[in-house]
Amino acid sequence: MIAFLKGHIEESTEDAIFLDVNGVGYKVEASTQTIDQLRGAGKDIKLLIYHHITDSDQRLFGFFTKDEKNLFEQLITVKGVGPKLGLTILSGLPASNLIAAITGADAVALSRVPGIGKKTAERIIVELREKLKSFDTGSTSGTTNAQAGVFEEAAQALQALGFKQKESEQAAMAVINAGEVSDSSAVIRKSLSLLNK
């Protein structure tokens, strides 16, 4: 079982990283959060790995932080949520916002994530709500709720300016993950500079 990989990023796509580990290439599927964080991490990196093995396939899922990996492992315990959908869910919302939505029973926020319908959102809440109440993301619930509001407001403002929903949410998420959570106008300004590069 592979626990982590350290190596050189050979190539990255929207949903995967190709890692050269001493001349051996590994395709590691990753959330947009992890891929965004790796842009600033340099070319030599360490990824925490979830090694998924079935009768017919083996896949590697990579995470930049332990918190994101732990949250992924919780998500895939939910009936109907496999590793691919788990990664999609992590790509759809920052980890702190995702935890806030689940513990706050916010099925509407969860069902905005592509691939999650109302029933799946409700099942995730029922199965994980209690488990995630003690989940440590390194921030207080007050900060988490504030981040969720700032993220929502910034993403909507960017869409109103003509950017697509996915790129708006990814830009706002990247800024918030970098610690720019003072207010939504600061997040919008930083997001615009990312989107206009």
N, C-alpha and C. Protein backbone atom coordinates (compact mmCIF):
# COMPACT_ATOMS: atom_id res chain seq x y z
N MET A 1 0.85 -1.19 0.00
CA MET A 1 0.00 0.00 0.00
C MET A 1 0.89 1.25 0.00
N ILE A 2 0.63 2.17 -0.91
CA ILE A 2 1.42 3.40 -1.00
C ILE A 2 0.82 4.45 -0.06
N ALA A 3 1.65 5.00 0.84
CA ALA A 3 1.18 6.01 1.80
C ALA A 3 1.47 7.42 1.32
N PHE A 4 2.62 7.63 0.68
CA PHE A 4 2.94 8.94 0.12
C PHE A 4 3.95 8.77 -1.01
N LEU A 5 4.08 9.80 -1.84
CA LEU A 5 5.06 9.82 -2.92
C LEU A 5 5.80 11.15 -2.87
N LYS A 6 7.11 11.09 -3.04
CA LYS A 6 7.92 12.31 -3.16
C LYS A 6 8.60 12.27 -4.51
N GLY A 7 8.44 13.34 -5.26
CA GLY A 7 9.06 13.35 -6.57
C GLY A 7 8.90 14.67 -7.29
N HIS A 8 9.10 14.60 -8.57
CA HIS A 8 9.14 15.76 -9.44
C HIS A 8 7.88 15.77 -10.30
N ILE A 9 7.19 16.92 -10.38
CA ILE A 9 6.00 17.00 -11.23
C ILE A 9 6.45 17.03 -12.69
N GLU A 10 6.09 15.99 -13.41
CA GLU A 10 6.42 15.90 -14.83
C GLU A 10 5.40 16.67 -15.65
N GLU A 11 4.14 16.56 -15.22
CA GLU A 11 3.03 17.20 -15.95
C GLU A 11 1.83 17.24 -15.03
N SER A 12 0.95 18.21 -15.24
CA SER A 12 -0.31 18.22 -14.49
C SER A 12 -1.44 18.61 -15.41
N THR A 13 -2.62 18.04 -15.15
CA THR A 13 -3.82 18.35 -15.92
C THR A 13 -4.84 18.94 -14.95
N GLU A 14 -6.07 19.09 -15.41
CA GLU A 14 -7.11 19.67 -14.57
C GLU A 14 -7.42 18.79 -13.36
N ASP A 15 -7.24 17.47 -13.50
CA ASP A 15 -7.63 16.57 -12.40
C ASP A 15 -6.57 15.53 -12.02
N ALA A 16 -5.34 15.69 -12.53
CA ALA A 16 -4.31 14.70 -12.21
C ALA A 16 -2.90 15.31 -12.27
N ILE A 17 -2.00 14.67 -11.54
CA ILE A 17 -0.59 15.05 -11.53
C ILE A 17 0.21 13.83 -11.95
N PHE A 18 1.16 14.01 -12.84
CA PHE A 18 2.05 12.92 -13.24
C PHE A 18 3.38 13.15 -12.53
N LEU A 19 3.67 12.25 -11.60
CA LEU A 19 4.81 12.42 -10.70
C LEU A 19 5.93 11.46 -11.08
N ASP A 20 7.12 12.01 -11.28
CA ASP A 20 8.31 11.21 -11.56
C ASP A 20 9.01 10.94 -10.22
N VAL A 21 8.98 9.67 -9.78
CA VAL A 21 9.63 9.27 -8.54
C VAL A 21 10.82 8.38 -8.90
N ASN A 22 12.01 8.97 -8.93
CA ASN A 22 13.22 8.23 -9.29
C ASN A 22 13.09 7.47 -10.61
N GLY A 23 12.52 8.15 -11.61
CA GLY A 23 12.42 7.56 -12.94
C GLY A 23 11.18 6.73 -13.18
N VAL A 24 10.32 6.56 -12.16
CA VAL A 24 9.06 5.83 -12.32
C VAL A 24 7.93 6.85 -12.32
N GLY A 25 7.07 6.79 -13.35
CA GLY A 25 5.97 7.76 -13.46
C GLY A 25 4.69 7.26 -12.82
N TYR A 26 4.11 8.06 -11.96
CA TYR A 26 2.84 7.73 -11.31
C TYR A 26 1.79 8.76 -11.71
N LYS A 27 0.63 8.27 -12.12
CA LYS A 27 -0.50 9.17 -12.35
C LYS A 27 -1.29 9.24 -11.04
N VAL A 28 -1.39 10.45 -10.49
CA VAL A 28 -2.08 10.64 -9.22
C VAL A 28 -3.26 11.58 -9.45
N GLU A 29 -4.46 11.08 -9.23
CA GLU A 29 -5.65 11.93 -9.37
C GLU A 29 -5.75 12.84 -8.15
N ALA A 30 -6.16 14.09 -8.36
CA ALA A 30 -6.17 15.06 -7.26
C ALA A 30 -7.31 16.05 -7.44
N SER A 31 -7.73 16.65 -6.32
CA SER A 31 -8.77 17.68 -6.37
C SER A 31 -8.17 18.98 -6.91
N THR A 32 -9.04 19.89 -7.34
CA THR A 32 -8.55 21.19 -7.83
C THR A 32 -7.86 21.96 -6.70
N GLN A 33 -8.29 21.72 -5.43
CA GLN A 33 -7.63 22.37 -4.29
C GLN A 33 -6.17 21.97 -4.21
N THR A 34 -5.91 20.65 -4.30
CA THR A 34 -4.54 20.16 -4.22
C THR A 34 -3.72 20.66 -5.40
N ILE A 35 -4.29 20.62 -6.60
CA ILE A 35 -3.56 21.07 -7.79
C ILE A 35 -3.24 22.56 -7.68
N ASP A 36 -4.19 23.37 -7.17
CA ASP A 36 -3.94 24.81 -6.97
C ASP A 36 -2.81 25.04 -5.96
N GLN A 37 -2.80 24.26 -4.87
CA GLN A 37 -1.77 24.43 -3.85
C GLN A 37 -0.40 24.04 -4.38
N LEU A 38 -0.36 23.07 -5.28
CA LEU A 38 0.93 22.61 -5.82
C LEU A 38 1.55 23.62 -6.77
N ARG A 39 0.75 24.51 -7.32
CA ARG A 39 1.30 25.53 -8.21
C ARG A 39 2.31 26.40 -7.48
N GLY A 40 2.09 26.59 -6.19
CA GLY A 40 3.01 27.40 -5.42
C GLY A 40 4.02 26.58 -4.63
N ALA A 41 3.99 25.26 -4.79
CA ALA A 41 4.84 24.39 -3.97
C ALA A 41 6.16 24.03 -4.65
N GLY A 42 6.38 24.50 -5.87
CA GLY A 42 7.59 24.13 -6.59
C GLY A 42 7.42 22.82 -7.32
N LYS A 43 8.48 22.38 -7.95
CA LYS A 43 8.37 21.18 -8.79
C LYS A 43 8.63 19.88 -8.03
N ASP A 44 9.43 19.91 -6.95
CA ASP A 44 9.65 18.71 -6.14
C ASP A 44 8.67 18.73 -4.98
N ILE A 45 7.83 17.71 -4.91
CA ILE A 45 6.73 17.74 -3.94
C ILE A 45 6.56 16.39 -3.24
N LYS A 46 5.78 16.44 -2.15
CA LYS A 46 5.36 15.23 -1.46
C LYS A 46 3.83 15.21 -1.46
N LEU A 47 3.26 14.09 -1.89
CA LEU A 47 1.81 13.94 -1.90
C LEU A 47 1.41 12.79 -0.98
N LEU A 48 0.42 13.02 -0.12
CA LEU A 48 -0.16 11.93 0.66
C LEU A 48 -1.06 11.14 -0.28
N ILE A 49 -1.04 9.82 -0.19
CA ILE A 49 -1.71 8.98 -1.17
C ILE A 49 -2.80 8.12 -0.54
N TYR A 50 -3.94 8.06 -1.22
CA TYR A 50 -4.95 7.04 -0.93
C TYR A 50 -4.87 6.06 -2.09
N HIS A 51 -4.49 4.82 -1.79
CA HIS A 51 -4.27 3.80 -2.81
C HIS A 51 -5.54 2.95 -2.91
N HIS A 52 -6.27 3.12 -4.00
CA HIS A 52 -7.56 2.44 -4.19
C HIS A 52 -7.36 1.20 -5.07
N ILE A 53 -7.67 0.04 -4.52
CA ILE A 53 -7.46 -1.22 -5.25
C ILE A 53 -8.78 -1.95 -5.38
N THR A 54 -9.12 -2.34 -6.63
CA THR A 54 -10.27 -3.21 -6.88
C THR A 54 -9.77 -4.44 -7.63
N ASP A 55 -10.67 -5.38 -7.93
CA ASP A 55 -10.29 -6.60 -8.66
C ASP A 55 -9.68 -6.29 -10.02
N SER A 56 -10.15 -5.21 -10.65
CA SER A 56 -9.73 -4.93 -12.03
C SER A 56 -8.89 -3.67 -12.20
N ASP A 57 -8.63 -2.94 -11.10
CA ASP A 57 -8.00 -1.62 -11.27
C ASP A 57 -7.25 -1.20 -10.01
N GLN A 58 -6.26 -0.34 -10.20
CA GLN A 58 -5.59 0.34 -9.09
C GLN A 58 -5.48 1.81 -9.44
N ARG A 59 -5.85 2.68 -8.50
CA ARG A 59 -5.77 4.12 -8.75
C ARG A 59 -5.17 4.81 -7.54
N LEU A 60 -4.43 5.88 -7.82
CA LEU A 60 -3.82 6.67 -6.76
C LEU A 60 -4.51 8.02 -6.67
N PHE A 61 -4.89 8.41 -5.47
CA PHE A 61 -5.50 9.71 -5.22
C PHE A 61 -4.57 10.47 -4.28
N GLY A 62 -4.19 11.69 -4.68
CA GLY A 62 -3.19 12.44 -3.93
C GLY A 62 -3.75 13.66 -3.22
N PHE A 63 -3.14 13.99 -2.08
CA PHE A 63 -3.60 15.12 -1.27
C PHE A 63 -2.41 15.89 -0.74
N PHE A 64 -2.53 17.21 -0.76
CA PHE A 64 -1.46 18.09 -0.29
C PHE A 64 -1.46 18.17 1.23
N THR A 65 -2.66 18.07 1.85
CA THR A 65 -2.75 18.17 3.31
C THR A 65 -3.39 16.92 3.91
N LYS A 66 -3.05 16.65 5.15
CA LYS A 66 -3.62 15.51 5.88
C LYS A 66 -5.12 15.70 6.08
N ASP A 67 -5.54 16.95 6.35
CA ASP A 67 -6.96 17.23 6.56
C ASP A 67 -7.79 16.86 5.35
N GLU A 68 -7.30 17.21 4.15
CA GLU A 68 -8.06 16.90 2.94
C GLU A 68 -8.14 15.39 2.74
N LYS A 69 -7.05 14.68 3.01
CA LYS A 69 -7.06 13.21 2.87
C LYS A 69 -8.04 12.58 3.87
N ASN A 70 -8.01 13.07 5.12
CA ASN A 70 -8.93 12.53 6.13
C ASN A 70 -10.39 12.76 5.74
N LEU A 71 -10.67 13.95 5.21
CA LEU A 71 -12.04 14.27 4.79
C LEU A 71 -12.46 13.38 3.62
N PHE A 72 -11.57 13.17 2.66
CA PHE A 72 -11.83 12.26 1.54
C PHE A 72 -12.17 10.85 2.04
N GLU A 73 -11.39 10.36 3.01
CA GLU A 73 -11.62 9.01 3.55
C GLU A 73 -12.98 8.91 4.25
N GLN A 74 -13.42 10.01 4.87
CA GLN A 74 -14.76 10.03 5.47
C GLN A 74 -15.84 10.01 4.39
N LEU A 75 -15.64 10.82 3.35
CA LEU A 75 -16.65 10.92 2.28
C LEU A 75 -16.90 9.57 1.60
N ILE A 76 -15.82 8.81 1.36
CA ILE A 76 -16.02 7.56 0.61
C ILE A 76 -16.60 6.43 1.47
N THR A 77 -16.83 6.69 2.77
CA THR A 77 -17.54 5.70 3.59
C THR A 77 -19.05 5.81 3.36
N VAL A 78 -19.49 6.92 2.75
CA VAL A 78 -20.92 7.13 2.50
C VAL A 78 -21.36 6.26 1.33
N LYS A 79 -22.49 5.56 1.49
CA LYS A 79 -23.01 4.69 0.44
C LYS A 79 -23.26 5.50 -0.84
N GLY A 80 -22.72 5.02 -1.95
CA GLY A 80 -22.92 5.71 -3.23
C GLY A 80 -21.86 6.74 -3.56
N VAL A 81 -20.93 7.00 -2.61
CA VAL A 81 -19.84 7.95 -2.87
C VAL A 81 -18.53 7.16 -3.01
N GLY A 82 -18.09 7.01 -4.26
CA GLY A 82 -16.81 6.34 -4.51
C GLY A 82 -15.69 7.35 -4.53
N PRO A 83 -14.45 6.87 -4.76
CA PRO A 83 -13.30 7.79 -4.77
C PRO A 83 -13.42 8.92 -5.79
N LYS A 84 -13.93 8.62 -6.99
CA LYS A 84 -14.02 9.66 -8.03
C LYS A 84 -14.99 10.77 -7.59
N LEU A 85 -16.16 10.38 -7.08
CA LEU A 85 -17.13 11.38 -6.62
C LEU A 85 -16.59 12.11 -5.38
N GLY A 86 -15.88 11.39 -4.52
CA GLY A 86 -15.27 12.02 -3.35
C GLY A 86 -14.34 13.15 -3.74
N LEU A 87 -13.55 12.90 -4.79
CA LEU A 87 -12.61 13.91 -5.29
C LEU A 87 -13.37 15.09 -5.91
N THR A 88 -14.46 14.79 -6.63
CA THR A 88 -15.30 15.84 -7.22
C THR A 88 -15.88 16.74 -6.13
N ILE A 89 -16.32 16.12 -5.03
CA ILE A 89 -16.89 16.89 -3.92
C ILE A 89 -15.83 17.82 -3.32
N LEU A 90 -14.61 17.29 -3.12
CA LEU A 90 -13.53 18.11 -2.58
C LEU A 90 -13.14 19.24 -3.54
N SER A 91 -13.29 19.00 -4.84
CA SER A 91 -12.99 20.05 -5.82
C SER A 91 -14.07 21.12 -5.83
N GLY A 92 -15.28 20.75 -5.44
CA GLY A 92 -16.42 21.67 -5.52
C GLY A 92 -16.48 22.69 -4.41
N LEU A 93 -15.93 22.36 -3.24
CA LEU A 93 -15.97 23.28 -2.10
C LEU A 93 -14.67 23.17 -1.30
N PRO A 94 -14.16 24.29 -0.76
CA PRO A 94 -13.01 24.19 0.14
C PRO A 94 -13.37 23.30 1.32
N ALA A 95 -12.39 22.59 1.88
CA ALA A 95 -12.65 21.62 2.96
C ALA A 95 -13.44 22.24 4.12
N SER A 96 -13.06 23.45 4.54
CA SER A 96 -13.75 24.08 5.67
C SER A 96 -15.22 24.36 5.35
N ASN A 97 -15.49 24.79 4.11
CA ASN A 97 -16.87 25.06 3.69
C ASN A 97 -17.67 23.76 3.59
N LEU A 98 -17.01 22.71 3.13
CA LEU A 98 -17.66 21.41 3.00
C LEU A 98 -18.07 20.88 4.36
N ILE A 99 -17.16 20.98 5.33
CA ILE A 99 -17.46 20.53 6.69
C ILE A 99 -18.59 21.36 7.28
N ALA A 100 -18.55 22.69 7.04
CA ALA A 100 -19.60 23.57 7.55
C ALA A 100 -20.96 23.19 6.95
N ALA A 101 -20.98 22.87 5.66
CA ALA A 101 -22.23 22.49 5.00
C ALA A 101 -22.78 21.18 5.56
N ILE A 102 -21.88 20.22 5.82
CA ILE A 102 -22.33 18.91 6.34
C ILE A 102 -22.79 19.03 7.79
N THR A 103 -21.97 19.65 8.63
CA THR A 103 -22.35 19.75 10.05
C THR A 103 -23.53 20.70 10.26
N GLY A 104 -23.71 21.65 9.34
CA GLY A 104 -24.84 22.57 9.42
C GLY A 104 -26.06 22.09 8.66
N ALA A 105 -26.01 20.85 8.15
CA ALA A 105 -27.10 20.23 7.40
C ALA A 105 -27.58 21.10 6.23
N ASP A 106 -26.61 21.70 5.52
CA ASP A 106 -26.93 22.57 4.40
C ASP A 106 -26.90 21.77 3.09
N ALA A 107 -28.00 21.06 2.82
CA ALA A 107 -28.09 20.21 1.63
C ALA A 107 -28.05 21.04 0.35
N VAL A 108 -28.53 22.28 0.41
CA VAL A 108 -28.55 23.15 -0.77
C VAL A 108 -27.11 23.45 -1.23
N ALA A 109 -26.24 23.81 -0.28
CA ALA A 109 -24.83 24.09 -0.63
C ALA A 109 -24.15 22.84 -1.19
N LEU A 110 -24.40 21.70 -0.57
CA LEU A 110 -23.79 20.45 -1.04
C LEU A 110 -24.28 20.06 -2.43
N SER A 111 -25.56 20.25 -2.69
CA SER A 111 -26.10 19.80 -3.98
C SER A 111 -25.70 20.73 -5.13
N ARG A 112 -25.02 21.85 -4.83
CA ARG A 112 -24.47 22.71 -5.89
C ARG A 112 -23.23 22.08 -6.52
N VAL A 113 -22.61 21.15 -5.80
CA VAL A 113 -21.41 20.48 -6.32
C VAL A 113 -21.81 19.56 -7.46
N PRO A 114 -21.14 19.66 -8.63
CA PRO A 114 -21.50 18.80 -9.76
C PRO A 114 -21.44 17.33 -9.36
N GLY A 115 -22.47 16.57 -9.76
CA GLY A 115 -22.48 15.14 -9.47
C GLY A 115 -23.21 14.77 -8.19
N ILE A 116 -23.60 15.78 -7.40
CA ILE A 116 -24.34 15.50 -6.16
C ILE A 116 -25.77 15.98 -6.30
N GLY A 117 -26.69 15.06 -6.21
CA GLY A 117 -28.11 15.42 -6.22
C GLY A 117 -28.57 15.64 -4.79
N LYS A 118 -29.84 15.99 -4.66
CA LYS A 118 -30.40 16.27 -3.33
C LYS A 118 -30.32 15.04 -2.41
N LYS A 119 -30.63 13.85 -2.97
CA LYS A 119 -30.62 12.63 -2.14
C LYS A 119 -29.22 12.29 -1.65
N THR A 120 -28.23 12.42 -2.53
CA THR A 120 -26.84 12.14 -2.12
C THR A 120 -26.39 13.14 -1.06
N ALA A 121 -26.74 14.41 -1.25
CA ALA A 121 -26.38 15.45 -0.28
C ALA A 121 -26.97 15.12 1.09
N GLU A 122 -28.24 14.70 1.10
CA GLU A 122 -28.90 14.37 2.37
C GLU A 122 -28.26 13.14 3.01
N ARG A 123 -27.88 12.15 2.19
CA ARG A 123 -27.23 10.94 2.72
C ARG A 123 -25.88 11.29 3.35
N ILE A 124 -25.12 12.16 2.67
CA ILE A 124 -23.81 12.58 3.21
C ILE A 124 -24.00 13.25 4.57
N ILE A 125 -25.01 14.13 4.66
CA ILE A 125 -25.28 14.84 5.93
C ILE A 125 -25.66 13.84 7.03
N VAL A 126 -26.57 12.92 6.73
CA VAL A 126 -27.02 11.95 7.73
C VAL A 126 -25.86 11.09 8.23
N GLU A 127 -25.01 10.62 7.30
CA GLU A 127 -23.94 9.69 7.67
C GLU A 127 -22.71 10.36 8.28
N LEU A 128 -22.44 11.63 7.93
CA LEU A 128 -21.20 12.26 8.37
C LEU A 128 -21.35 13.42 9.36
N ARG A 129 -22.58 13.88 9.56
CA ARG A 129 -22.77 15.08 10.38
C ARG A 129 -22.13 14.96 11.76
N GLU A 130 -22.40 13.87 12.46
CA GLU A 130 -21.85 13.68 13.81
C GLU A 130 -20.35 13.42 13.77
N LYS A 131 -19.90 12.63 12.78
CA LYS A 131 -18.47 12.29 12.68
C LYS A 131 -17.62 13.53 12.45
N LEU A 132 -18.13 14.49 11.67
CA LEU A 132 -17.33 15.66 11.30
C LEU A 132 -17.38 16.79 12.33
N LYS A 133 -18.26 16.67 13.32
CA LYS A 133 -18.34 17.74 14.33
C LYS A 133 -17.04 17.88 15.10
N SER A 134 -16.31 16.78 15.24
CA SER A 134 -15.03 16.83 15.96
C SER A 134 -13.85 16.93 15.01
N PHE A 135 -14.14 17.10 13.73
CA PHE A 135 -13.07 17.12 12.71
C PHE A 135 -12.29 18.41 12.82
N ASP A 136 -10.97 18.31 12.95
CA ASP A 136 -10.12 19.49 13.14
C ASP A 136 -9.57 19.96 11.81
N THR A 137 -10.00 21.14 11.37
CA THR A 137 -9.45 21.71 10.13
C THR A 137 -8.49 22.85 10.45
N GLY A 138 -8.20 23.03 11.73
CA GLY A 138 -7.28 24.11 12.10
C GLY A 138 -7.96 25.46 12.15
N SER A 139 -9.29 25.49 12.08
CA SER A 139 -9.99 26.78 12.18
C SER A 139 -11.24 26.60 13.02
N THR A 140 -11.69 27.66 13.65
CA THR A 140 -12.89 27.58 14.47
C THR A 140 -14.11 27.56 13.58
N SER A 141 -15.24 27.12 14.15
CA SER A 141 -16.46 27.07 13.33
C SER A 141 -16.89 28.47 12.91
N GLY A 142 -16.59 29.48 13.75
CA GLY A 142 -16.94 30.85 13.38
C GLY A 142 -16.20 31.28 12.13
N THR A 143 -14.91 30.96 12.08
CA THR A 143 -14.11 31.28 10.91
C THR A 143 -14.63 30.53 9.70
N THR A 144 -14.99 29.25 9.92
CA THR A 144 -15.50 28.43 8.83
C THR A 144 -16.77 29.02 8.23
N ASN A 145 -17.69 29.43 9.10
CA ASN A 145 -18.94 30.02 8.62
C ASN A 145 -18.68 31.34 7.89
N ALA A 146 -17.73 32.14 8.42
CA ALA A 146 -17.38 33.39 7.76
C ALA A 146 -16.79 33.12 6.39
N GLN A 147 -15.90 32.12 6.30
CA GLN A 147 -15.30 31.75 5.02
C GLN A 147 -16.36 31.31 4.02
N ALA A 148 -17.33 30.53 4.50
CA ALA A 148 -18.38 30.03 3.61
C ALA A 148 -19.15 31.21 3.01
N GLY A 149 -19.47 32.21 3.83
CA GLY A 149 -20.19 33.39 3.34
C GLY A 149 -19.36 34.21 2.36
N VAL A 150 -18.07 34.38 2.68
CA VAL A 150 -17.17 35.15 1.80
C VAL A 150 -17.01 34.42 0.47
N PHE A 151 -16.81 33.10 0.52
CA PHE A 151 -16.65 32.28 -0.69
C PHE A 151 -17.88 32.42 -1.60
N GLU A 152 -19.06 32.27 -1.00
CA GLU A 152 -20.32 32.34 -1.75
C GLU A 152 -20.49 33.70 -2.42
N GLU A 153 -20.26 34.76 -1.64
CA GLU A 153 -20.43 36.12 -2.13
C GLU A 153 -19.45 36.44 -3.26
N ALA A 154 -18.18 36.04 -3.05
CA ALA A 154 -17.14 36.32 -4.06
C ALA A 154 -17.41 35.55 -5.35
N ALA A 155 -17.78 34.28 -5.23
CA ALA A 155 -18.05 33.46 -6.43
C ALA A 155 -19.22 34.03 -7.23
N GLN A 156 -20.27 34.48 -6.52
CA GLN A 156 -21.44 35.06 -7.21
C GLN A 156 -21.07 36.37 -7.90
N ALA A 157 -20.26 37.19 -7.23
CA ALA A 157 -19.85 38.47 -7.82
C ALA A 157 -19.01 38.24 -9.09
N LEU A 158 -18.13 37.25 -9.06
CA LEU A 158 -17.30 36.94 -10.23
C LEU A 158 -18.16 36.45 -11.40
N GLN A 159 -19.17 35.65 -11.09
CA GLN A 159 -20.09 35.18 -12.14
C GLN A 159 -20.86 36.35 -12.73
N ALA A 160 -21.24 37.31 -11.88
CA ALA A 160 -21.96 38.49 -12.35
C ALA A 160 -21.08 39.33 -13.29
N LEU A 161 -19.75 39.21 -13.11
CA LEU A 161 -18.81 39.93 -13.97
C LEU A 161 -18.53 39.18 -15.28
N GLY A 162 -19.17 38.02 -15.45
CA GLY A 162 -19.06 37.30 -16.72
C GLY A 162 -18.19 36.06 -16.72
N PHE A 163 -17.61 35.71 -15.55
CA PHE A 163 -16.80 34.50 -15.49
C PHE A 163 -17.70 33.29 -15.28
N LYS A 164 -17.25 32.12 -15.74
CA LYS A 164 -18.04 30.89 -15.59
C LYS A 164 -18.07 30.47 -14.13
N GLN A 165 -19.11 29.70 -13.75
CA GLN A 165 -19.28 29.29 -12.36
C GLN A 165 -18.05 28.55 -11.83
N LYS A 166 -17.57 27.55 -12.59
CA LYS A 166 -16.46 26.72 -12.12
C LYS A 166 -15.19 27.55 -11.90
N GLU A 167 -14.85 28.41 -12.88
CA GLU A 167 -13.62 29.20 -12.74
C GLU A 167 -13.75 30.23 -11.63
N SER A 168 -14.96 30.78 -11.45
CA SER A 168 -15.20 31.74 -10.35
C SER A 168 -14.97 31.07 -8.99
N GLU A 169 -15.55 29.87 -8.84
CA GLU A 169 -15.44 29.16 -7.57
C GLU A 169 -14.00 28.72 -7.31
N GLN A 170 -13.31 28.26 -8.35
CA GLN A 170 -11.92 27.82 -8.19
C GLN A 170 -11.01 28.98 -7.78
N ALA A 171 -11.21 30.14 -8.42
CA ALA A 171 -10.38 31.31 -8.09
C ALA A 171 -10.64 31.77 -6.65
N ALA A 172 -11.92 31.87 -6.27
CA ALA A 172 -12.27 32.29 -4.91
C ALA A 172 -11.72 31.31 -3.89
N MET A 173 -11.80 30.00 -4.21
CA MET A 173 -11.30 28.96 -3.31
C MET A 173 -9.78 29.07 -3.13
N ALA A 174 -9.07 29.31 -4.23
CA ALA A 174 -7.61 29.43 -4.17
C ALA A 174 -7.19 30.60 -3.28
N VAL A 175 -7.90 31.73 -3.41
CA VAL A 175 -7.59 32.92 -2.62
C VAL A 175 -7.87 32.66 -1.14
N ILE A 176 -9.01 32.05 -0.84
CA ILE A 176 -9.37 31.77 0.55
C ILE A 176 -8.39 30.78 1.17
N ASN A 177 -8.01 29.75 0.40
CA ASN A 177 -7.04 28.77 0.91
C ASN A 177 -5.68 29.40 1.20
N ALA A 178 -5.38 30.49 0.49
CA ALA A 178 -4.10 31.20 0.71
C ALA A 178 -4.17 32.13 1.93
N GLY A 179 -5.36 32.22 2.55
CA GLY A 179 -5.50 33.02 3.77
C GLY A 179 -6.12 34.39 3.55
N GLU A 180 -6.63 34.66 2.33
CA GLU A 180 -7.21 35.98 2.03
C GLU A 180 -8.71 35.97 2.37
N VAL A 181 -9.04 35.93 3.68
CA VAL A 181 -10.44 35.82 4.06
C VAL A 181 -10.94 37.03 4.83
N SER A 182 -10.24 38.16 4.70
CA SER A 182 -10.63 39.34 5.47
C SER A 182 -12.05 39.80 5.14
N ASP A 183 -12.36 39.91 3.85
CA ASP A 183 -13.72 40.23 3.44
C ASP A 183 -13.88 39.84 1.97
N SER A 184 -15.13 39.83 1.52
CA SER A 184 -15.40 39.36 0.16
C SER A 184 -14.79 40.27 -0.91
N SER A 185 -14.72 41.59 -0.65
CA SER A 185 -14.16 42.48 -1.67
C SER A 185 -12.67 42.20 -1.89
N ALA A 186 -11.94 41.84 -0.80
CA ALA A 186 -10.52 41.49 -0.94
C ALA A 186 -10.38 40.19 -1.74
N VAL A 187 -11.27 39.24 -1.47
CA VAL A 187 -11.24 37.96 -2.19
C VAL A 187 -11.55 38.19 -3.67
N ILE A 188 -12.52 39.05 -3.96
CA ILE A 188 -12.89 39.34 -5.35
C ILE A 188 -11.72 39.98 -6.09
N ARG A 189 -11.06 40.96 -5.46
CA ARG A 189 -9.91 41.62 -6.10
C ARG A 189 -8.80 40.63 -6.41
N LYS A 190 -8.45 39.79 -5.43
CA LYS A 190 -7.38 38.80 -5.63
C LYS A 190 -7.78 37.77 -6.69
N SER A 191 -9.06 37.36 -6.65
CA SER A 191 -9.56 36.38 -7.62
C SER A 191 -9.49 36.95 -9.04
N LEU A 192 -9.83 38.23 -9.20
CA LEU A 192 -9.77 38.88 -10.51
C LEU A 192 -8.35 38.88 -11.05
N SER A 193 -7.37 39.12 -10.16
CA SER A 193 -5.98 39.13 -10.62
C SER A 193 -5.55 37.73 -11.06
N LEU A 194 -6.08 36.69 -10.41
CA LEU A 194 -5.79 35.31 -10.84
C LEU A 194 -6.45 34.99 -12.19
N LEU A 195 -7.72 35.40 -12.32
CA LEU A 195 -8.48 35.09 -13.53
C LEU A 195 -8.00 35.87 -14.74
N ASN A 196 -7.42 37.03 -14.52
CA ASN A 196 -6.98 37.88 -15.64
C ASN A 196 -5.52 37.66 -16.03
N LYS A 197 -4.87 36.65 -15.41
CA LYS A 197 -3.47 36.37 -15.74
C LYS A 197 -3.36 35.84 -17.16
